N, C-alpha and C. Protein backbone atom coordinates (compact mmCIF):
# COMPACT_ATOMS: atom_id res chain seq x y z
N MET A 1 0.54 -1.11 0.15
CA MET A 1 0.02 -0.18 0.11
C MET A 1 0.82 1.22 0.34
N ALA A 2 1.92 1.18 0.72
CA ALA A 2 2.83 2.42 1.09
C ALA A 2 3.47 2.58 -0.37
N ARG A 3 4.06 1.83 -1.10
CA ARG A 3 4.55 1.63 -2.44
C ARG A 3 3.56 2.23 -3.31
N THR A 4 2.36 1.64 -3.46
CA THR A 4 1.42 2.49 -4.30
C THR A 4 1.18 3.69 -4.03
N LEU A 5 1.13 4.44 -2.85
CA LEU A 5 0.87 5.65 -2.33
C LEU A 5 2.16 6.49 -3.10
N LEU A 6 3.25 5.87 -2.53
CA LEU A 6 4.81 6.63 -3.19
C LEU A 6 4.85 6.56 -4.86
N PHE A 7 4.39 5.53 -5.27
CA PHE A 7 4.40 5.60 -6.69
C PHE A 7 3.38 6.80 -7.50
N SER A 8 2.18 6.94 -6.52
CA SER A 8 1.24 7.60 -7.07
C SER A 8 1.59 9.28 -7.05
N ALA A 9 2.20 9.46 -5.54
CA ALA A 9 2.84 11.02 -5.29
C ALA A 9 4.01 10.85 -6.58
N VAL A 10 4.72 10.21 -6.84
CA VAL A 10 5.83 10.45 -7.82
C VAL A 10 5.37 10.79 -9.28
N VAL A 11 4.33 10.00 -9.51
CA VAL A 11 3.64 10.38 -10.63
C VAL A 11 2.93 11.86 -10.88
N LEU A 12 2.07 12.09 -9.78
CA LEU A 12 1.29 13.35 -9.83
C LEU A 12 2.54 14.49 -9.90
N SER A 13 3.64 14.23 -8.97
CA SER A 13 4.60 15.35 -9.11
C SER A 13 5.33 15.41 -10.38
N ILE A 14 5.62 14.42 -11.16
CA ILE A 14 6.20 14.55 -12.38
C ILE A 14 4.94 15.16 -13.38
N THR A 15 3.63 14.99 -13.09
CA THR A 15 2.72 15.49 -14.15
C THR A 15 2.76 16.93 -13.74
N LEU A 16 2.39 17.41 -12.50
CA LEU A 16 2.61 18.76 -11.96
C LEU A 16 3.66 19.59 -12.72
N TRP A 17 4.80 19.15 -12.23
CA TRP A 17 6.17 19.73 -12.83
C TRP A 17 6.08 19.94 -14.32
N GLY A 18 5.49 19.05 -15.16
CA GLY A 18 5.14 18.98 -16.69
C GLY A 18 4.76 20.14 -16.90
N CYS A 19 3.52 20.14 -16.36
CA CYS A 19 2.30 21.54 -16.48
C CYS A 19 2.69 22.89 -16.39
N ALA A 20 3.74 22.89 -15.21
CA ALA A 20 4.34 24.13 -14.69
C ALA A 20 5.36 24.45 -15.68
N ALA A 21 5.84 23.43 -16.18
CA ALA A 21 7.42 23.75 -17.01
C ALA A 21 6.67 24.30 -18.25
N GLN A 22 5.36 24.22 -18.96
CA GLN A 22 5.03 24.48 -20.01
C GLN A 22 4.95 26.12 -20.17
N PRO A 23 5.78 26.83 -21.07
CA PRO A 23 5.72 28.33 -21.03
C PRO A 23 4.23 28.82 -21.54
N PRO A 24 4.14 30.16 -20.99
CA PRO A 24 2.89 30.77 -21.14
C PRO A 24 2.63 31.04 -22.76
N ARG A 25 1.78 30.67 -23.55
CA ARG A 25 1.59 31.55 -25.04
C ARG A 25 1.99 32.98 -25.42
N MET A 26 2.82 33.10 -25.87
CA MET A 26 3.31 34.43 -26.30
C MET A 26 2.01 35.22 -27.06
N LEU A 27 1.71 36.26 -26.42
CA LEU A 27 0.40 36.83 -27.72
C LEU A 27 1.37 37.77 -28.77
N THR A 28 0.37 37.55 -29.79
CA THR A 28 1.28 38.10 -30.98
C THR A 28 0.49 39.64 -31.32
N GLU A 29 1.22 40.51 -31.80
CA GLU A 29 0.66 41.75 -32.32
C GLU A 29 1.29 41.92 -34.01
N ALA A 30 0.13 42.52 -34.80
CA ALA A 30 0.85 42.79 -36.07
C ALA A 30 0.17 43.96 -36.44
N THR A 31 0.96 44.71 -37.36
CA THR A 31 0.17 46.23 -37.80
C THR A 31 -0.11 45.79 -39.21
N CYS A 32 -1.50 46.11 -39.22
CA CYS A 32 -1.97 45.95 -40.57
C CYS A 32 -1.92 47.60 -41.34
N GLN A 33 -1.08 47.77 -42.48
CA GLN A 33 -1.25 48.73 -43.06
C GLN A 33 -1.43 49.05 -44.79
N SER A 34 -2.42 47.50 -44.83
CA SER A 34 -2.88 47.67 -45.96
C SER A 34 -4.45 47.85 -46.07
N THR A 35 -5.07 47.52 -47.42
CA THR A 35 -6.60 47.57 -47.05
C THR A 35 -7.03 46.44 -46.56
N SER A 36 -6.44 45.27 -46.39
CA SER A 36 -7.35 44.27 -45.70
C SER A 36 -6.48 43.35 -44.78
N CYS A 37 -6.65 42.90 -43.87
CA CYS A 37 -6.18 42.19 -43.06
C CYS A 37 -6.93 40.69 -42.56
N LYS A 38 -6.10 39.62 -42.79
CA LYS A 38 -6.41 38.30 -42.56
C LYS A 38 -6.25 38.10 -41.33
N ILE A 39 -6.96 37.22 -40.40
CA ILE A 39 -6.75 36.78 -39.13
C ILE A 39 -7.20 35.13 -38.93
N LYS A 40 -6.47 34.35 -38.80
CA LYS A 40 -6.68 33.01 -38.62
C LYS A 40 -7.12 32.56 -37.39
N ILE A 41 -8.40 31.90 -37.32
CA ILE A 41 -8.68 31.23 -35.96
C ILE A 41 -8.37 29.83 -36.13
N ASP A 42 -7.68 29.23 -35.06
CA ASP A 42 -6.98 28.03 -34.76
C ASP A 42 -7.89 27.52 -33.97
N ALA A 43 -9.06 26.69 -34.33
CA ALA A 43 -10.22 25.93 -33.21
C ALA A 43 -9.88 24.53 -32.97
N SER A 44 -8.80 24.37 -33.38
CA SER A 44 -8.44 22.65 -32.77
C SER A 44 -8.34 22.55 -31.44
N ALA A 45 -8.08 23.34 -30.37
CA ALA A 45 -8.27 23.24 -29.01
C ALA A 45 -9.70 22.99 -28.65
N CYS A 46 -10.65 23.67 -29.25
CA CYS A 46 -12.19 24.00 -28.91
C CYS A 46 -12.78 22.17 -28.70
N ASP A 47 -12.43 21.38 -29.38
CA ASP A 47 -12.79 19.86 -29.38
C ASP A 47 -12.48 19.54 -28.14
N SER A 48 -11.54 19.82 -27.28
CA SER A 48 -11.05 19.22 -26.24
C SER A 48 -11.43 20.03 -24.95
N GLY A 49 -12.42 20.95 -25.15
CA GLY A 49 -13.03 22.42 -24.10
C GLY A 49 -11.92 23.15 -24.09
N GLY A 50 -10.80 23.49 -24.75
CA GLY A 50 -9.72 24.43 -24.81
C GLY A 50 -10.33 25.91 -25.35
N VAL A 51 -9.25 26.68 -25.26
CA VAL A 51 -9.68 28.20 -25.95
C VAL A 51 -9.02 27.92 -27.27
N PRO A 52 -9.68 28.73 -28.30
CA PRO A 52 -9.13 28.96 -29.77
C PRO A 52 -7.88 29.79 -29.71
N SER A 53 -7.09 29.93 -30.40
CA SER A 53 -6.33 31.20 -31.02
C SER A 53 -6.43 31.52 -32.32
N VAL A 54 -5.78 32.84 -32.16
CA VAL A 54 -5.62 33.72 -33.33
C VAL A 54 -4.31 34.00 -33.80
N ASP A 55 -3.65 33.97 -35.08
CA ASP A 55 -2.42 34.13 -35.04
C ASP A 55 -2.07 35.69 -34.99
N ILE A 56 -3.23 36.70 -34.77
CA ILE A 56 -2.66 38.14 -34.22
C ILE A 56 -3.86 38.35 -33.27
N ASP A 57 -3.14 38.34 -32.15
CA ASP A 57 -4.08 38.74 -31.05
C ASP A 57 -4.60 40.16 -30.70
N LYS A 58 -3.46 41.03 -31.05
CA LYS A 58 -3.68 42.40 -31.11
C LYS A 58 -3.33 42.93 -32.65
N ILE A 59 -4.41 43.46 -33.24
CA ILE A 59 -4.36 43.95 -34.50
C ILE A 59 -3.84 45.56 -34.61
N HIS A 60 -2.99 46.17 -35.22
CA HIS A 60 -2.96 47.49 -34.95
C HIS A 60 -3.42 47.82 -36.55
N VAL A 61 -4.29 48.79 -36.52
CA VAL A 61 -4.80 49.09 -37.94
C VAL A 61 -4.05 50.67 -38.25
N LYS A 62 -3.23 50.77 -39.21
CA LYS A 62 -2.63 52.00 -39.50
C LYS A 62 -2.40 52.56 -40.99
N GLY A 63 -2.62 53.86 -41.27
CA GLY A 63 -2.43 54.38 -42.19
C GLY A 63 -3.94 54.28 -43.09
N ASN A 64 -4.53 53.33 -43.17
CA ASN A 64 -5.80 53.10 -44.25
C ASN A 64 -7.02 53.31 -43.29
N HIS A 65 -8.39 53.66 -44.32
CA HIS A 65 -9.27 54.09 -43.78
C HIS A 65 -10.18 52.66 -44.35
N ASN A 66 -11.19 52.14 -43.74
CA ASN A 66 -12.30 51.05 -44.09
C ASN A 66 -11.13 49.79 -44.36
N VAL A 67 -10.50 49.38 -43.63
CA VAL A 67 -9.81 48.60 -43.82
C VAL A 67 -10.31 47.15 -43.58
N GLN A 68 -10.74 46.33 -44.53
CA GLN A 68 -11.14 45.15 -44.56
C GLN A 68 -10.34 43.97 -43.48
N LEU A 69 -11.30 43.84 -42.24
CA LEU A 69 -10.47 42.65 -41.71
C LEU A 69 -11.28 41.37 -41.51
N VAL A 70 -10.56 40.64 -42.03
CA VAL A 70 -11.39 39.03 -42.43
C VAL A 70 -10.87 37.85 -41.45
N TRP A 71 -11.52 37.57 -40.82
CA TRP A 71 -11.31 36.35 -39.67
C TRP A 71 -11.93 35.03 -40.28
N GLU A 72 -10.91 33.97 -40.34
CA GLU A 72 -11.01 32.79 -40.93
C GLU A 72 -10.77 31.73 -40.10
N VAL A 73 -11.95 31.14 -39.86
CA VAL A 73 -11.62 29.33 -39.07
C VAL A 73 -10.70 28.44 -39.56
N GLN A 74 -9.86 27.95 -38.89
CA GLN A 74 -9.07 26.91 -39.36
C GLN A 74 -9.37 25.21 -38.98
N HIS A 75 -10.74 24.90 -38.83
CA HIS A 75 -11.25 23.78 -38.48
C HIS A 75 -12.47 23.32 -39.15
N ALA A 76 -12.79 22.18 -39.34
CA ALA A 76 -13.97 21.59 -40.31
C ALA A 76 -15.05 21.79 -39.16
N ARG A 77 -15.02 21.65 -37.82
CA ARG A 77 -15.96 21.59 -37.10
C ARG A 77 -16.56 22.73 -36.23
N TRP A 78 -16.09 23.75 -36.31
CA TRP A 78 -16.24 25.08 -35.89
C TRP A 78 -16.57 26.06 -37.10
N GLU A 79 -17.47 26.87 -36.68
CA GLU A 79 -17.86 28.02 -37.50
C GLU A 79 -18.24 29.67 -36.95
N LEU A 80 -18.51 30.46 -37.70
CA LEU A 80 -18.87 31.88 -37.32
C LEU A 80 -20.12 31.66 -37.51
N ARG A 81 -20.97 32.68 -36.77
CA ARG A 81 -22.39 33.01 -37.32
C ARG A 81 -22.59 34.58 -36.97
N LEU A 82 -23.29 34.79 -37.95
CA LEU A 82 -23.44 36.41 -38.21
C LEU A 82 -24.25 36.84 -37.10
N GLY A 83 -23.51 38.09 -36.56
CA GLY A 83 -24.38 38.67 -35.30
C GLY A 83 -24.06 38.24 -33.99
N LYS A 84 -23.44 36.80 -34.27
CA LYS A 84 -23.08 36.22 -32.42
C LYS A 84 -21.67 35.73 -32.71
N SER A 85 -21.01 35.90 -33.40
CA SER A 85 -19.64 35.75 -33.44
C SER A 85 -18.31 36.45 -33.35
N ILE A 86 -18.42 37.51 -33.77
CA ILE A 86 -17.36 38.51 -33.78
C ILE A 86 -18.11 39.88 -33.04
N LEU A 87 -17.78 40.16 -31.88
CA LEU A 87 -18.66 41.22 -31.23
C LEU A 87 -17.95 41.92 -30.15
N LEU A 88 -17.89 43.11 -30.39
CA LEU A 88 -16.91 44.04 -29.60
C LEU A 88 -17.51 43.78 -27.86
N LYS A 89 -16.63 43.75 -26.93
CA LYS A 89 -17.00 43.19 -25.66
C LYS A 89 -17.97 44.31 -25.04
N ASP A 90 -17.41 45.55 -25.10
CA ASP A 90 -18.19 46.66 -24.91
C ASP A 90 -19.41 47.16 -25.89
N PRO A 91 -20.76 46.72 -25.88
CA PRO A 91 -21.53 46.84 -27.24
C PRO A 91 -21.52 48.34 -27.15
N THR A 92 -21.38 49.18 -26.48
CA THR A 92 -21.38 50.90 -26.45
C THR A 92 -20.23 51.40 -26.71
N GLY A 93 -19.06 50.57 -27.25
CA GLY A 93 -17.54 50.95 -27.27
C GLY A 93 -17.34 51.44 -28.53
N ASP A 94 -18.41 51.66 -29.35
CA ASP A 94 -18.00 51.90 -30.94
C ASP A 94 -18.81 53.36 -31.40
N PRO A 95 -18.82 54.24 -30.44
CA PRO A 95 -19.96 55.44 -30.58
C PRO A 95 -19.79 56.27 -32.14
N THR A 96 -18.44 56.09 -32.71
CA THR A 96 -18.28 56.63 -33.92
C THR A 96 -18.82 55.81 -35.05
N GLY A 97 -18.95 54.45 -34.67
CA GLY A 97 -19.90 53.44 -36.04
C GLY A 97 -18.56 53.21 -36.73
N GLN A 98 -17.33 52.93 -36.18
CA GLN A 98 -16.04 52.44 -37.07
C GLN A 98 -15.69 51.26 -37.38
N PHE A 99 -16.71 50.47 -37.01
CA PHE A 99 -16.93 49.00 -37.51
C PHE A 99 -18.16 49.05 -38.48
N SER A 100 -18.06 48.25 -39.74
CA SER A 100 -19.40 48.48 -40.48
C SER A 100 -18.81 47.27 -41.47
N ASP A 101 -20.29 47.06 -42.19
CA ASP A 101 -20.01 45.99 -43.49
C ASP A 101 -19.82 44.59 -42.69
N LYS A 102 -20.40 44.32 -41.65
CA LYS A 102 -20.34 43.20 -41.02
C LYS A 102 -21.10 41.89 -41.48
N PHE A 103 -20.02 41.06 -42.63
CA PHE A 103 -20.78 40.14 -43.33
C PHE A 103 -19.82 38.62 -43.18
N LEU A 104 -20.66 37.84 -43.26
CA LEU A 104 -20.02 36.44 -43.85
C LEU A 104 -19.48 36.36 -45.34
N LEU A 105 -18.40 35.91 -45.59
CA LEU A 105 -18.05 35.94 -47.14
C LEU A 105 -17.94 34.42 -47.48
N GLY A 106 -18.51 34.62 -48.85
CA GLY A 106 -19.05 33.22 -49.63
C GLY A 106 -18.19 32.35 -50.24
N ASN A 107 -17.95 31.70 -51.13
CA ASN A 107 -16.79 31.08 -51.61
C ASN A 107 -16.04 31.72 -52.27
N ASN A 108 -16.16 32.84 -52.84
CA ASN A 108 -15.53 33.67 -53.71
C ASN A 108 -14.92 34.89 -53.11
N ASP A 109 -15.04 34.63 -51.56
CA ASP A 109 -14.35 35.75 -50.76
C ASP A 109 -15.22 37.20 -50.63
N GLN A 110 -16.37 36.98 -51.59
CA GLN A 110 -16.94 38.40 -51.12
C GLN A 110 -18.21 38.19 -50.01
N PRO A 111 -18.40 39.27 -49.48
CA PRO A 111 -19.82 39.28 -48.50
C PRO A 111 -20.80 39.07 -49.26
N ASP A 112 -21.49 38.21 -48.27
CA ASP A 112 -22.98 37.60 -48.78
C ASP A 112 -23.99 37.46 -47.80
N PRO A 113 -24.77 38.47 -47.86
CA PRO A 113 -26.03 39.08 -46.91
C PRO A 113 -26.57 37.81 -46.56
N ASN A 114 -26.83 36.71 -47.61
CA ASN A 114 -27.59 35.75 -47.19
C ASN A 114 -26.86 34.88 -46.41
N LEU A 115 -25.64 34.67 -46.33
CA LEU A 115 -25.44 33.96 -45.51
C LEU A 115 -25.07 34.13 -43.70
N LYS A 116 -25.45 33.28 -42.93
CA LYS A 116 -25.69 33.51 -41.55
C LYS A 116 -24.67 32.36 -40.49
N LYS A 117 -24.06 31.65 -41.34
CA LYS A 117 -23.15 30.83 -40.95
C LYS A 117 -21.78 30.70 -42.05
N GLY A 118 -20.70 30.40 -41.48
CA GLY A 118 -19.37 29.99 -42.15
C GLY A 118 -18.16 30.43 -41.71
N LYS A 119 -17.10 30.05 -42.63
CA LYS A 119 -15.77 30.27 -42.07
C LYS A 119 -15.21 31.33 -42.07
N LYS A 120 -15.58 32.23 -42.86
CA LYS A 120 -14.92 33.67 -43.12
C LYS A 120 -16.13 34.69 -42.68
N MET A 121 -15.54 35.75 -41.97
CA MET A 121 -16.27 37.14 -41.53
C MET A 121 -15.45 38.20 -41.87
N GLN A 122 -16.07 39.20 -42.29
CA GLN A 122 -15.59 40.49 -42.25
C GLN A 122 -15.82 41.81 -41.50
N TRP A 123 -15.14 42.80 -41.30
CA TRP A 123 -15.60 43.74 -40.72
C TRP A 123 -14.82 44.88 -41.52
N LYS A 124 -15.57 45.93 -41.65
CA LYS A 124 -14.78 47.06 -42.28
C LYS A 124 -14.18 47.98 -40.97
N ASP A 125 -13.01 48.21 -41.01
CA ASP A 125 -12.57 49.41 -39.69
C ASP A 125 -12.48 50.70 -40.39
N ALA A 126 -13.12 51.91 -39.87
CA ALA A 126 -12.85 53.06 -40.51
C ALA A 126 -11.57 53.77 -40.11
N ASN A 127 -10.87 53.24 -39.04
CA ASN A 127 -9.82 53.60 -38.22
C ASN A 127 -9.80 55.19 -37.95
N ILE A 128 -10.77 55.48 -37.62
CA ILE A 128 -10.86 56.61 -36.90
C ILE A 128 -10.33 57.05 -35.65
N LEU A 129 -9.49 58.06 -35.13
CA LEU A 129 -8.74 57.95 -33.79
C LEU A 129 -10.12 58.89 -32.93
N VAL A 130 -10.09 58.17 -31.70
CA VAL A 130 -11.02 58.86 -30.99
C VAL A 130 -10.57 58.86 -29.48
N ASP A 131 -11.06 58.88 -28.40
CA ASP A 131 -10.64 58.99 -27.11
C ASP A 131 -9.78 57.50 -26.79
N VAL A 132 -10.54 56.72 -26.90
CA VAL A 132 -10.38 55.20 -26.75
C VAL A 132 -10.12 54.68 -28.22
N ASN A 133 -8.83 54.14 -28.40
CA ASN A 133 -8.61 53.64 -29.73
C ASN A 133 -8.18 52.05 -29.53
N GLU A 134 -8.63 51.57 -28.58
CA GLU A 134 -8.04 49.70 -28.22
C GLU A 134 -9.52 49.37 -28.20
N PHE A 135 -9.88 48.32 -28.88
CA PHE A 135 -11.12 47.62 -28.69
C PHE A 135 -11.20 46.32 -28.25
N ALA A 136 -11.55 45.79 -27.24
CA ALA A 136 -11.53 44.50 -26.99
C ALA A 136 -12.81 43.89 -27.56
N TYR A 137 -12.55 42.72 -28.30
CA TYR A 137 -13.43 41.95 -28.85
C TYR A 137 -13.60 40.52 -28.54
N LYS A 138 -14.70 39.83 -28.88
CA LYS A 138 -14.42 38.47 -28.42
C LYS A 138 -14.93 37.73 -29.78
N ILE A 139 -14.52 36.70 -29.61
CA ILE A 139 -14.81 35.63 -31.08
C ILE A 139 -15.26 34.51 -30.35
N ILE A 140 -16.70 34.11 -30.71
CA ILE A 140 -17.49 32.70 -30.47
C ILE A 140 -17.45 32.10 -31.32
N LEU A 141 -17.15 31.09 -31.59
CA LEU A 141 -16.96 29.87 -32.51
C LEU A 141 -18.36 29.09 -32.23
N PHE A 142 -18.91 28.34 -32.82
CA PHE A 142 -20.20 27.46 -32.46
C PHE A 142 -19.97 26.14 -33.34
N ASP A 143 -20.22 24.92 -32.87
CA ASP A 143 -20.23 23.69 -33.54
C ASP A 143 -21.72 23.44 -34.19
N SER A 144 -21.91 22.33 -34.57
CA SER A 144 -23.33 21.92 -35.25
C SER A 144 -24.35 21.57 -33.95
N ASN A 145 -23.71 21.46 -32.71
CA ASN A 145 -24.47 21.21 -31.78
C ASN A 145 -24.66 22.29 -30.68
N ASP A 146 -24.13 23.80 -31.33
CA ASP A 146 -24.71 24.80 -30.84
C ASP A 146 -23.34 24.61 -29.62
N ARG A 147 -22.72 24.14 -29.37
CA ARG A 147 -21.53 24.50 -28.24
C ARG A 147 -20.69 25.35 -28.83
N THR A 148 -20.33 26.18 -27.78
CA THR A 148 -19.46 27.38 -28.16
C THR A 148 -17.86 27.45 -27.47
N CYS A 149 -17.09 28.24 -28.06
CA CYS A 149 -15.81 28.21 -27.94
C CYS A 149 -15.41 29.72 -28.18
N THR A 150 -14.49 30.23 -27.02
CA THR A 150 -14.75 31.87 -26.73
C THR A 150 -13.16 32.33 -26.86
N LEU A 151 -12.85 33.50 -27.71
CA LEU A 151 -11.59 34.01 -27.10
C LEU A 151 -11.57 35.62 -27.17
N ASP A 152 -10.86 36.15 -26.50
CA ASP A 152 -10.98 37.86 -26.54
C ASP A 152 -9.47 38.41 -26.94
N PRO A 153 -9.39 38.86 -28.30
CA PRO A 153 -8.43 39.49 -28.38
C PRO A 153 -8.47 40.95 -28.77
N LEU A 154 -7.69 42.09 -29.46
CA LEU A 154 -8.01 43.25 -29.33
C LEU A 154 -7.91 43.88 -30.76
N ILE A 155 -8.22 44.91 -31.11
CA ILE A 155 -8.11 45.61 -32.12
C ILE A 155 -7.75 47.04 -31.92
N ASN A 156 -6.53 47.75 -32.49
CA ASN A 156 -6.02 48.82 -31.83
C ASN A 156 -6.17 49.77 -33.27
N ASN A 157 -6.96 50.83 -33.06
CA ASN A 157 -6.72 52.06 -34.39
C ASN A 157 -5.61 52.82 -34.14
N ASP A 158 -4.67 52.60 -34.89
CA ASP A 158 -3.40 53.67 -34.64
C ASP A 158 -3.33 54.78 -35.72
N GLY A 159 -4.31 55.00 -36.47
CA GLY A 159 -4.59 56.10 -37.33
C GLY A 159 -3.74 56.01 -38.50
């Protein structure tokens, strides 16, 4: 019995040490200076109850107006839904109407107002400098059973 308890304690210690040794994921930032920015959403962790990730955690929009931000889900089982998947965390946080043209994109990568769910979604960012230029938003992915998987990245308007 004592040998079993000792063995269990050693296994638990090694397991906990292995988890603690994992470095935290570094948040990525990128500056978008073109008319379009693409953000890939890796939803593979969602299948096991984890958190999705994006290849750009903090998007800096600089130099252009009406920049097309396009989010694309990189997993077959998870999708975006119009009006439910990409939302500002503060619903009143866009007093100037910076973000418009919120559509899902069809197979031809063009906005399709008839789509209610899909793999790609766009917003247009006017990139107007105001008192607060950092916008926390959330990404909510859905599977076919309406389970959700959520992430909270940032958009920063840098003028």
